[in-house]
C-alpha atoms as a PDB file:
ATOM      1  CA  MET A   1      27.861  47.094 -54.196  1.00  0.00           C
ATOM      2  CA  SER A   2      26.714  47.970 -51.015  1.00  0.00           C
ATOM      3  CA  LYS A   3      28.216  50.389 -48.450  1.00  0.00           C
ATOM      4  CA  PRO A   4      30.146  48.397 -45.245  1.00  0.00           C
ATOM      5  CA  THR A   5      28.329  48.531 -42.064  1.00  0.00           C
ATOM      6  CA  LEU A   6      29.062  49.695 -38.842  1.00  0.00           C
ATOM      7  CA  GLN A   7      31.514  47.325 -36.965  1.00  0.00           C
ATOM      8  CA  SER A   8      32.012  45.318 -40.058  1.00  0.00           C
ATOM      9  CA  PRO A   9      35.689  44.987 -41.640  1.00  0.00           C
ATOM     10  CA  ALA A  10      37.039  48.019 -43.571  1.00  0.00           C
ATOM     11  CA  PRO A  11      37.509  46.654 -47.083  1.00  0.00           C
ATOM     12  CA  ASP A  12      41.030  46.608 -48.061  1.00  0.00           C
ATOM     13  CA  PHE A  13      42.921  48.119 -50.467  1.00  0.00           C
ATOM     14  CA  THR A  14      46.418  48.868 -51.928  1.00  0.00           C
ATOM     15  CA  ALA A  15      46.315  52.349 -54.207  1.00  0.00           C
ATOM     16  CA  PRO A  16      48.484  55.137 -55.345  1.00  0.00           C
ATOM     17  CA  VAL A  17      49.357  57.926 -52.570  1.00  0.00           C
ATOM     18  CA  ILE A  18      50.943  61.472 -52.641  1.00  0.00           C
ATOM     19  CA  GLY A  19      51.264  64.048 -50.090  1.00  0.00           C
ATOM     20  CA  GLY A  20      51.589  63.732 -46.109  1.00  0.00           C
ATOM     21  CA  GLY A  21      55.066  62.073 -45.913  1.00  0.00           C
ATOM     22  CA  TYR A  22      53.785  60.067 -49.266  1.00  0.00           C
ATOM     23  CA  GLN A  23      56.295  60.540 -52.544  1.00  0.00           C
ATOM     24  CA  ALA A  24      55.045  60.328 -56.350  1.00  0.00           C
ATOM     25  CA  GLY A  25      55.364  56.318 -56.557  1.00  0.00           C
ATOM     26  CA  ASP A  26      54.132  55.464 -53.609  1.00  0.00           C
ATOM     27  CA  THR A  27      51.059  53.111 -52.287  1.00  0.00           C
ATOM     28  CA  VAL A  28      49.395  52.462 -49.058  1.00  0.00           C
ATOM     29  CA  THR A  29      47.688  49.519 -48.144  1.00  0.00           C
ATOM     30  CA  LEU A  30      44.738  50.103 -45.508  1.00  0.00           C
ATOM     31  CA  SER A  31      45.727  46.910 -43.478  1.00  0.00           C
ATOM     32  CA  GLN A  32      49.156  48.040 -42.981  1.00  0.00           C
ATOM     33  CA  LEU A  33      47.643  50.688 -41.085  1.00  0.00           C
ATOM     34  CA  LYS A  34      45.715  48.493 -38.552  1.00  0.00           C
ATOM     35  CA  GLY A  35      46.296  49.305 -34.758  1.00  0.00           C
ATOM     36  CA  GLN A  36      45.733  52.886 -35.570  1.00  0.00           C
ATOM     37  CA  THR A  37      42.348  55.089 -36.376  1.00  0.00           C
ATOM     38  CA  VAL A  38      42.243  55.959 -39.920  1.00  0.00           C
ATOM     39  CA  VAL A  39      39.631  58.391 -41.468  1.00  0.00           C
ATOM     40  CA  LEU A  40      38.952  58.036 -44.882  1.00  0.00           C
ATOM     41  CA  TYR A  41      37.260  60.751 -46.350  1.00  0.00           C
ATOM     42  CA  PHE A  42      35.578  60.232 -50.226  1.00  0.00           C
ATOM     43  CA  TYR A  43      34.999  63.275 -52.141  1.00  0.00           C
ATOM     44  CA  PRO A  44      33.938  63.748 -55.814  1.00  0.00           C
ATOM     45  CA  LYS A  45      36.714  65.800 -57.215  1.00  0.00           C
ATOM     46  CA  ASP A  46      39.986  68.115 -56.658  1.00  0.00           C
ATOM     47  CA  ASP A  47      39.605  71.774 -56.429  1.00  0.00           C
ATOM     48  CA  THR A  48      36.089  72.086 -57.055  1.00  0.00           C
ATOM     49  CA  PRO A  49      34.269  74.225 -54.544  1.00  0.00           C
ATOM     50  CA  GLY A  50      33.261  72.005 -52.065  1.00  0.00           C
ATOM     51  CA  CYS A  51      35.896  69.737 -52.183  1.00  0.00           C
ATOM     52  CA  THR A  52      37.993  72.409 -51.221  1.00  0.00           C
ATOM     53  CA  LYS A  53      35.943  73.704 -48.594  1.00  0.00           C
ATOM     54  CA  GLN A  54      36.109  70.257 -47.013  1.00  0.00           C
ATOM     55  CA  ALA A  55      40.042  69.769 -47.823  1.00  0.00           C
ATOM     56  CA  CYS A  56      40.848  73.237 -46.215  1.00  0.00           C
ATOM     57  CA  ALA A  57      38.700  72.936 -43.488  1.00  0.00           C
ATOM     58  CA  LEU A  58      40.629  69.392 -42.361  1.00  0.00           C
ATOM     59  CA  ARG A  59      43.745  71.171 -42.846  1.00  0.00           C
ATOM     60  CA  ASP A  60      42.737  74.236 -40.616  1.00  0.00           C
ATOM     61  CA  GLY A  61      41.662  71.452 -37.941  1.00  0.00           C
ATOM     62  CA  TRP A  62      44.779  69.320 -38.699  1.00  0.00           C
ATOM     63  CA  SER A  63      46.237  69.982 -35.340  1.00  0.00           C
ATOM     64  CA  GLN A  64      43.325  68.709 -33.463  1.00  0.00           C
ATOM     65  CA  ILE A  65      42.630  65.607 -35.890  1.00  0.00           C
ATOM     66  CA  SER A  66      46.090  64.514 -36.641  1.00  0.00           C
ATOM     67  CA  GLN A  67      46.435  63.815 -33.055  1.00  0.00           C
ATOM     68  CA  LYS A  68      43.493  61.054 -33.207  1.00  0.00           C
ATOM     69  CA  ALA A  69      44.277  59.315 -36.235  1.00  0.00           C
ATOM     70  CA  LEU A  70      45.610  59.108 -39.748  1.00  0.00           C
ATOM     71  CA  VAL A  71      43.242  60.757 -42.558  1.00  0.00           C
ATOM     72  CA  PHE A  72      43.323  60.030 -46.327  1.00  0.00           C
ATOM     73  CA  GLY A  73      41.350  62.130 -48.875  1.00  0.00           C
ATOM     74  CA  ILE A  74      40.041  59.401 -51.986  1.00  0.00           C
ATOM     75  CA  SER A  75      38.546  60.618 -55.344  1.00  0.00           C
ATOM     76  CA  THR A  76      39.127  59.121 -58.789  1.00  0.00           C
ATOM     77  CA  ASP A  77      41.535  61.904 -59.343  1.00  0.00           C
ATOM     78  CA  PRO A  78      45.023  60.928 -60.791  1.00  0.00           C
ATOM     79  CA  VAL A  79      48.256  61.297 -58.501  1.00  0.00           C
ATOM     80  CA  LYS A  80      49.262  64.477 -60.716  1.00  0.00           C
ATOM     81  CA  ARG A  81      46.072  66.332 -59.763  1.00  0.00           C
ATOM     82  CA  HIS A  82      46.374  64.900 -56.125  1.00  0.00           C
ATOM     83  CA  ALA A  83      49.834  66.989 -56.359  1.00  0.00           C
ATOM     84  CA  LYS A  84      48.253  69.883 -57.776  1.00  0.00           C
ATOM     85  CA  PHE A  85      45.481  70.278 -55.013  1.00  0.00           C
ATOM     86  CA  ILE A  86      47.702  69.286 -52.539  1.00  0.00           C
ATOM     87  CA  GLN A  87      50.177  72.152 -53.177  1.00  0.00           C
ATOM     88  CA  LYS A  88      47.759  74.692 -53.970  1.00  0.00           C
ATOM     89  CA  TYR A  89      45.780  74.614 -50.529  1.00  0.00           C
ATOM     90  CA  SER A  90      48.737  73.255 -48.636  1.00  0.00           C
ATOM     91  CA  LEU A  91      47.119  70.332 -47.477  1.00  0.00           C
ATOM     92  CA  PRO A  92      48.796  67.908 -44.825  1.00  0.00           C
ATOM     93  CA  PHE A  93      47.327  64.748 -45.495  1.00  0.00           C
ATOM     94  CA  PRO A  94      48.008  62.286 -48.044  1.00  0.00           C
ATOM     95  CA  LEU A  95      45.191  62.037 -51.002  1.00  0.00           C
ATOM     96  CA  ILE A  96      44.761  58.081 -52.412  1.00  0.00           C
ATOM     97  CA  ALA A  97      43.993  58.133 -56.835  1.00  0.00           C
ATOM     98  CA  ASP A  98      41.243  55.431 -57.025  1.00  0.00           C
ATOM     99  CA  GLU A  99      41.338  56.003 -60.783  1.00  0.00           C
ATOM    100  CA  ASP A 100      39.634  52.229 -61.310  1.00  0.00           C
ATOM    101  CA  GLN A 101      37.105  53.108 -58.781  1.00  0.00           C
ATOM    102  CA  GLN A 102      37.490  49.968 -56.692  1.00  0.00           C
ATOM    103  CA  ILE A 103      37.902  51.509 -53.373  1.00  0.00           C
ATOM    104  CA  VAL A 104      34.455  53.873 -54.112  1.00  0.00           C
ATOM    105  CA  ASN A 105      32.733  50.487 -55.171  1.00  0.00           C
ATOM    106  CA  ALA A 106      33.769  48.365 -52.070  1.00  0.00           C
ATOM    107  CA  TYR A 107      32.889  51.037 -49.827  1.00  0.00           C
ATOM    108  CA  GLY A 108      29.523  51.551 -51.797  1.00  0.00           C
ATOM    109  CA  VAL A 109      30.291  55.365 -52.328  1.00  0.00           C
ATOM    110  CA  TRP A 110      30.373  55.326 -56.375  1.00  0.00           C
ATOM    111  CA  VAL A 111      26.681  56.046 -57.174  1.00  0.00           C
ATOM    112  CA  GLU A 112      24.592  57.530 -59.725  1.00  0.00           C
ATOM    113  CA  LYS A 113      24.262  61.356 -59.298  1.00  0.00           C
ATOM    114  CA  SER A 114      22.178  63.832 -61.371  1.00  0.00           C
ATOM    115  CA  LEU A 115      22.855  67.478 -61.991  1.00  0.00           C
ATOM    116  CA  TYR A 116      20.413  69.972 -63.973  1.00  0.00           C
ATOM    117  CA  GLY A 117      18.622  67.002 -65.363  1.00  0.00           C
ATOM    118  CA  LYS A 118      21.123  64.599 -66.399  1.00  0.00           C
ATOM    119  CA  THR A 119      22.403  61.652 -64.714  1.00  0.00           C
ATOM    120  CA  TYR A 120      25.921  59.915 -64.158  1.00  0.00           C
ATOM    121  CA  MET A 121      28.218  58.021 -61.943  1.00  0.00           C
ATOM    122  CA  GLY A 122      30.023  59.600 -59.694  1.00  0.00           C
ATOM    123  CA  THR A 123      31.543  59.562 -55.843  1.00  0.00           C
ATOM    124  CA  GLU A 124      28.940  60.387 -52.692  1.00  0.00           C
ATOM    125  CA  ARG A 125      30.989  62.435 -50.391  1.00  0.00           C
ATOM    126  CA  SER A 126      31.314  60.439 -47.394  1.00  0.00           C
ATOM    127  CA  THR A 127      33.621  59.527 -44.780  1.00  0.00           C
ATOM    128  CA  PHE A 128      34.269  55.967 -42.699  1.00  0.00           C
ATOM    129  CA  VAL A 129      36.437  56.048 -39.628  1.00  0.00           C
ATOM    130  CA  ILE A 130      38.025  52.957 -38.894  1.00  0.00           C
ATOM    131  CA  GLY A 131      38.915  51.822 -35.763  1.00  0.00           C
ATOM    132  CA  PRO A 132      42.809  50.055 -34.926  1.00  0.00           C
ATOM    133  CA  ASP A 133      40.568  46.998 -34.948  1.00  0.00           C
ATOM    134  CA  GLY A 134      40.295  47.217 -38.624  1.00  0.00           C
ATOM    135  CA  ARG A 135      36.498  47.902 -38.356  1.00  0.00           C
ATOM    136  CA  ILE A 136      34.061  50.565 -39.598  1.00  0.00           C
ATOM    137  CA  ALA A 137      33.377  52.643 -36.181  1.00  0.00           C
ATOM    138  CA  ALA A 138      31.701  55.929 -37.762  1.00  0.00           C
ATOM    139  CA  ILE A 139      30.084  56.675 -41.329  1.00  0.00           C
ATOM    140  CA  PHE A 140      29.158  59.760 -42.536  1.00  0.00           C
ATOM    141  CA  GLU A 141      27.030  59.862 -45.480  1.00  0.00           C
ATOM    142  CA  LYS A 142      26.346  62.841 -48.071  1.00  0.00           C
ATOM    143  CA  VAL A 143      28.416  64.776 -46.176  1.00  0.00           C
ATOM    144  CA  LYS A 144      28.425  68.939 -45.778  1.00  0.00           C
ATOM    145  CA  PRO A 145      31.733  69.973 -46.123  1.00  0.00           C
ATOM    146  CA  ASP A 146      31.501  72.817 -44.014  1.00  0.00           C
ATOM    147  CA  GLN A 147      30.059  70.538 -41.210  1.00  0.00           C
ATOM    148  CA  HIS A 148      33.167  67.448 -41.734  1.00  0.00           C
ATOM    149  CA  LEU A 149      35.822  68.089 -39.603  1.00  0.00           C
ATOM    150  CA  GLU A 150      33.071  68.979 -36.466  1.00  0.00           C
ATOM    151  CA  SER A 151      31.552  65.531 -37.543  1.00  0.00           C
ATOM    152  CA  VAL A 152      34.848  63.806 -37.868  1.00  0.00           C
ATOM    153  CA  LEU A 153      36.143  65.052 -34.256  1.00  0.00           C
ATOM    154  CA  GLY A 154      32.836  64.454 -32.957  1.00  0.00           C
ATOM    155  CA  VAL A 155      33.193  60.897 -33.057  1.00  0.00           C
ATOM    156  CA  LEU A 156      37.173  60.620 -32.410  1.00  0.00           C
END
Protein backbone atom coordinates (compact mmCIF):
# COMPACT_ATOMS: atom_id res chain seq x y z
CA MET A 1 0.00 0.00 0.00
CA SER A 2 1.22 3.52 -0.71
CA LYS A 3 2.07 6.05 1.97
CA PRO A 4 -0.33 8.85 2.77
CA THR A 5 0.87 12.18 1.41
CA LEU A 6 1.17 15.61 3.00
CA GLN A 7 -2.22 17.16 3.70
CA SER A 8 -4.07 13.88 3.00
CA PRO A 9 -6.37 12.56 5.74
CA ALA A 10 -4.49 10.31 8.17
CA PRO A 11 -5.65 6.68 7.85
CA ASP A 12 -7.85 5.92 10.85
CA PHE A 13 -7.36 2.86 13.05
CA THR A 14 -8.33 1.31 16.35
CA ALA A 15 -5.64 -0.77 18.04
CA PRO A 16 -4.42 -2.12 21.38
CA VAL A 17 -2.30 0.38 23.33
CA ILE A 18 -0.35 0.38 26.60
CA GLY A 19 1.55 2.97 28.62
CA GLY A 20 1.23 6.73 28.91
CA GLY A 21 -1.97 6.40 30.94
CA TYR A 22 -3.39 3.47 28.96
CA GLN A 23 -3.83 0.13 30.74
CA ALA A 24 -3.69 -3.45 29.46
CA GLY A 25 -6.81 -4.12 27.41
CA ASP A 26 -7.24 -0.48 26.29
CA THR A 27 -7.51 0.54 22.65
CA VAL A 28 -6.94 3.86 20.92
CA THR A 29 -8.80 5.18 17.87
CA LEU A 30 -6.98 7.84 15.89
CA SER A 31 -10.13 9.70 14.78
CA GLN A 32 -11.10 10.21 18.44
CA LEU A 33 -7.92 12.29 18.91
CA LYS A 34 -9.00 14.88 16.31
CA GLY A 35 -8.46 18.43 17.53
CA GLN A 36 -5.00 17.56 18.86
CA THR A 37 -1.64 17.24 17.16
CA VAL A 38 -0.59 13.57 17.08
CA VAL A 39 2.85 12.12 16.37
CA LEU A 40 2.83 8.49 15.17
CA TYR A 41 6.31 7.06 15.08
CA PHE A 42 6.75 3.65 13.50
CA TYR A 43 9.73 1.56 14.57
CA PRO A 44 10.85 -2.01 13.85
CA LYS A 45 11.15 -3.76 17.23
CA ASP A 46 11.08 -3.14 20.98
CA ASP A 47 14.36 -3.27 22.89
CA THR A 48 16.70 -3.27 19.88
CA PRO A 49 19.60 -0.76 19.74
CA GLY A 50 18.16 1.78 17.27
CA CYS A 51 14.62 1.57 18.60
CA THR A 52 15.82 1.95 22.18
CA LYS A 53 17.93 4.99 21.23
CA GLN A 54 14.93 6.56 19.47
CA ALA A 55 12.49 5.87 22.33
CA CYS A 56 14.91 7.11 25.00
CA ALA A 57 15.54 10.34 23.06
CA LEU A 58 11.76 10.98 23.05
CA ARG A 59 11.68 10.15 26.77
CA ASP A 60 14.53 12.55 27.48
CA GLY A 61 12.84 15.32 25.45
CA TRP A 62 9.40 14.56 26.86
CA SER A 63 9.00 17.89 28.68
CA GLN A 64 9.35 19.68 25.32
CA ILE A 65 7.39 17.38 23.03
CA SER A 66 4.51 16.50 25.38
CA GLN A 67 3.40 20.13 25.53
CA LYS A 68 2.99 20.21 21.75
CA ALA A 69 1.60 16.81 20.73
CA LEU A 70 0.35 13.38 21.73
CA VAL A 71 3.02 10.81 20.87
CA PHE A 72 2.42 7.14 20.05
CA GLY A 73 5.07 4.59 19.13
CA ILE A 74 3.83 1.83 16.81
CA SER A 75 5.42 -1.54 16.09
CA THR A 76 4.17 -5.01 15.28
CA ASP A 77 5.25 -6.25 18.72
CA PRO A 78 2.52 -7.50 21.10
CA VAL A 79 1.25 -5.47 24.07
CA LYS A 80 3.17 -7.61 26.60
CA ARG A 81 6.47 -6.87 24.87
CA HIS A 82 5.56 -3.17 24.73
CA ALA A 83 4.83 -3.20 28.48
CA LYS A 84 8.29 -4.64 29.23
CA PHE A 85 9.95 -2.07 26.93
CA ILE A 86 8.06 0.80 28.63
CA GLN A 87 8.97 -0.45 32.09
CA LYS A 88 12.63 -1.16 31.29
CA TYR A 89 13.26 2.35 29.92
CA SER A 90 10.62 4.37 31.86
CA LEU A 91 8.93 5.52 28.65
CA PRO A 92 6.28 8.19 29.36
CA PHE A 93 4.33 7.73 26.10
CA PRO A 94 2.03 4.93 24.92
CA LEU A 95 2.96 2.18 22.47
CA ILE A 96 0.48 0.72 19.99
CA ALA A 97 0.55 -3.00 19.15
CA ASP A 98 -0.03 -3.59 15.42
CA GLU A 99 0.34 -7.37 15.41
CA ASP A 100 -1.85 -7.85 12.31
CA GLN A 101 0.11 -5.16 10.39
CA GLN A 102 -3.03 -3.19 9.49
CA ILE A 103 -1.60 0.17 10.57
CA VAL A 104 1.89 -0.31 9.08
CA ASN A 105 0.20 -1.28 5.81
CA ALA A 106 -2.23 1.66 5.90
CA TYR A 107 0.72 4.04 6.35
CA GLY A 108 2.87 2.28 3.73
CA VAL A 109 5.72 1.50 6.12
CA TRP A 110 5.55 -2.35 5.95
CA VAL A 111 8.30 -2.81 3.39
CA GLU A 112 10.80 -5.28 2.04
CA LYS A 113 14.10 -4.92 3.87
CA SER A 114 17.40 -6.72 3.60
CA LEU A 115 20.03 -7.71 6.12
CA TYR A 116 23.15 -9.70 5.36
CA GLY A 117 21.81 -10.53 1.90
CA LYS A 118 18.48 -11.86 3.16
CA THR A 119 15.26 -10.06 2.33
CA TYR A 120 12.30 -9.94 4.69
CA MET A 121 9.26 -7.81 5.43
CA GLY A 122 9.52 -5.29 8.26
CA THR A 123 8.65 -1.82 9.49
CA GLU A 124 10.46 1.14 7.97
CA ARG A 125 11.37 3.65 10.68
CA SER A 126 9.04 6.52 9.77
CA THR A 127 7.13 9.27 11.57
CA PHE A 128 3.87 11.01 10.68
CA VAL A 129 2.78 14.24 12.34
CA ILE A 130 -0.99 14.63 12.15
CA GLY A 131 -2.51 18.05 12.59
CA PRO A 132 -5.59 18.84 14.70
CA ASP A 133 -7.63 18.66 11.46
CA GLY A 134 -6.76 14.96 11.06
CA ARG A 135 -4.50 15.57 8.05
CA ILE A 136 -0.85 14.62 7.61
CA ALA A 137 1.21 17.73 8.48
CA ALA A 138 4.71 16.20 8.17
CA ILE A 139 6.32 12.91 7.17
CA PHE A 140 9.80 11.70 8.12
CA GLU A 141 10.98 8.62 6.23
CA LYS A 142 13.92 6.36 7.05
CA VAL A 143 14.38 8.22 10.33
CA LYS A 144 17.77 8.18 12.03
CA PRO A 145 17.11 7.38 15.73
CA ASP A 146 19.51 10.01 17.09
CA GLN A 147 18.00 12.81 14.93
CA HIS A 148 14.32 11.93 15.43
CA LEU A 149 13.47 14.16 18.39
CA GLU A 150 15.00 17.28 16.81
CA SER A 151 13.20 16.61 13.50
CA VAL A 152 9.81 16.25 15.19
CA LEU A 153 10.30 19.28 17.47
CA GLY A 154 11.30 21.25 14.37
CA VAL A 155 7.82 20.86 12.84
CA LEU A 156 5.86 21.19 16.08
